[in-house]
């Protein structure tokens, strides 16, 4: 389960960054990908007992949620 979470977090984060970099009208959807990445890494951090990792991604979940609200609604 842990390797899958890490790869989901990595892939969705990279895809989100690419979508932002392309600067398309659909770029707001990158925040959904970032949210998926942050949740995956948050769970991985909890499983690995890595407090710095899960705390950082908990902050990212909040930022990603704000991005979703601001860009998509």
C-alpha atoms as a PDB file:
ATOM      1  CA  UNK A   1       0.000   0.000   0.000  1.00  0.00           C
ATOM      2  CA  UNK A   2       2.771   2.460   0.909  1.00  0.00           C
ATOM      3  CA  UNK A   3       4.611   2.277  -2.435  1.00  0.00           C
ATOM      4  CA  UNK A   4       1.315   2.818  -4.281  1.00  0.00           C
ATOM      5  CA  UNK A   5       0.521   5.891  -2.161  1.00  0.00           C
ATOM      6  CA  UNK A   6       3.960   7.330  -2.841  1.00  0.00           C
ATOM      7  CA  UNK A   7       3.622   6.828  -6.590  1.00  0.00           C
ATOM      8  CA  UNK A   8       0.087   8.256  -6.636  1.00  0.00           C
ATOM      9  CA  UNK A   9       1.359  11.281  -4.725  1.00  0.00           C
ATOM     10  CA  UNK A  10       4.327  11.704  -7.034  1.00  0.00           C
ATOM     11  CA  UNK A  11       2.425  11.261 -10.296  1.00  0.00           C
ATOM     12  CA  UNK A  12      -0.530  13.476  -9.387  1.00  0.00           C
ATOM     13  CA  UNK A  13       1.796  16.196  -8.073  1.00  0.00           C
ATOM     14  CA  UNK A  14       3.858  16.152 -11.266  1.00  0.00           C
ATOM     15  CA  UNK A  15       0.734  16.233 -13.453  1.00  0.00           C
ATOM     16  CA  UNK A  16      -0.637  19.151 -11.436  1.00  0.00           C
ATOM     17  CA  UNK A  17       2.606  21.080 -11.848  1.00  0.00           C
ATOM     18  CA  UNK A  18       2.560  20.448 -15.595  1.00  0.00           C
ATOM     19  CA  UNK A  19      -1.034  21.632 -15.856  1.00  0.00           C
ATOM     20  CA  UNK A  20      -0.177  24.867 -14.025  1.00  0.00           C
ATOM     21  CA  UNK A  21       2.916  25.379 -16.199  1.00  0.00           C
ATOM     22  CA  UNK A  22       0.865  25.018 -19.393  1.00  0.00           C
ATOM     23  CA  UNK A  23      -1.247  28.008 -18.265  1.00  0.00           C
ATOM     24  CA  UNK A  24      -4.418  26.715 -19.897  1.00  0.00           C
ATOM     25  CA  UNK A  25      -7.972  27.764 -19.026  1.00  0.00           C
ATOM     26  CA  UNK A  26      -8.240  24.335 -17.365  1.00  0.00           C
ATOM     27  CA  UNK A  27      -5.186  24.953 -15.165  1.00  0.00           C
ATOM     28  CA  UNK A  28      -7.385  25.353 -12.071  1.00  0.00           C
ATOM     29  CA  UNK A  29      -7.933  21.607 -12.144  1.00  0.00           C
ATOM     30  CA  UNK A  30      -4.282  21.249 -11.154  1.00  0.00           C
ATOM     31  CA  UNK A  31      -5.376  21.985  -7.587  1.00  0.00           C
ATOM     32  CA  UNK A  32      -7.491  18.822  -7.640  1.00  0.00           C
ATOM     33  CA  UNK A  33      -4.399  16.871  -8.679  1.00  0.00           C
ATOM     34  CA  UNK A  34      -2.372  18.625  -5.974  1.00  0.00           C
ATOM     35  CA  UNK A  35      -5.036  17.706  -3.422  1.00  0.00           C
ATOM     36  CA  UNK A  36      -4.843  14.042  -4.449  1.00  0.00           C
ATOM     37  CA  UNK A  37      -1.052  14.236  -4.145  1.00  0.00           C
ATOM     38  CA  UNK A  38      -1.196  15.912  -0.740  1.00  0.00           C
ATOM     39  CA  UNK A  39      -3.673  13.393   0.651  1.00  0.00           C
ATOM     40  CA  UNK A  40      -1.589  10.477  -0.625  1.00  0.00           C
ATOM     41  CA  UNK A  41       1.587  11.905   0.923  1.00  0.00           C
ATOM     42  CA  UNK A  42      -0.250  12.790   4.135  1.00  0.00           C
ATOM     43  CA  UNK A  43      -1.349   9.188   4.541  1.00  0.00           C
ATOM     44  CA  UNK A  44       2.124   7.921   3.609  1.00  0.00           C
ATOM     45  CA  UNK A  45       3.658  10.249   6.196  1.00  0.00           C
ATOM     46  CA  UNK A  46       1.321   8.950   8.895  1.00  0.00           C
ATOM     47  CA  UNK A  47       2.063   5.328   7.966  1.00  0.00           C
ATOM     48  CA  UNK A  48       5.828   6.006   7.977  1.00  0.00           C
ATOM     49  CA  UNK A  49       5.514   7.995  11.226  1.00  0.00           C
ATOM     50  CA  UNK A  50       7.214  10.936   9.527  1.00  0.00           C
ATOM     51  CA  UNK A  51       5.752  13.938  11.341  1.00  0.00           C
ATOM     52  CA  UNK A  52       7.394  16.564   9.112  1.00  0.00           C
ATOM     53  CA  UNK A  53       6.018  14.905   5.969  1.00  0.00           C
ATOM     54  CA  UNK A  54       2.444  14.578   7.178  1.00  0.00           C
ATOM     55  CA  UNK A  55       2.381  18.054   8.743  1.00  0.00           C
ATOM     56  CA  UNK A  56       3.635  19.652   5.522  1.00  0.00           C
ATOM     57  CA  UNK A  57       1.028  17.817   3.497  1.00  0.00           C
ATOM     58  CA  UNK A  58      -1.699  18.719   5.962  1.00  0.00           C
ATOM     59  CA  UNK A  59      -0.847  22.365   5.222  1.00  0.00           C
ATOM     60  CA  UNK A  60      -0.865  21.583   1.489  1.00  0.00           C
ATOM     61  CA  UNK A  61      -4.352  20.056   1.798  1.00  0.00           C
ATOM     62  CA  UNK A  62      -5.566  23.400   3.138  1.00  0.00           C
ATOM     63  CA  UNK A  63      -3.798  25.357   0.394  1.00  0.00           C
ATOM     64  CA  UNK A  64      -5.059  22.991  -2.308  1.00  0.00           C
ATOM     65  CA  UNK A  65      -8.606  23.326  -0.983  1.00  0.00           C
ATOM     66  CA  UNK A  66      -8.282  27.113  -1.115  1.00  0.00           C
ATOM     67  CA  UNK A  67      -6.996  26.828  -4.694  1.00  0.00           C
ATOM     68  CA  UNK A  68      -9.964  24.679  -5.672  1.00  0.00           C
ATOM     69  CA  UNK A  69     -12.417  27.168  -4.173  1.00  0.00           C
ATOM     70  CA  UNK A  70     -10.697  30.186  -5.756  1.00  0.00           C
ATOM     71  CA  UNK A  71     -10.069  28.716  -9.205  1.00  0.00           C
ATOM     72  CA  UNK A  72     -13.027  26.397  -9.763  1.00  0.00           C
ATOM     73  CA  UNK A  73     -15.956  28.068  -7.967  1.00  0.00           C
END
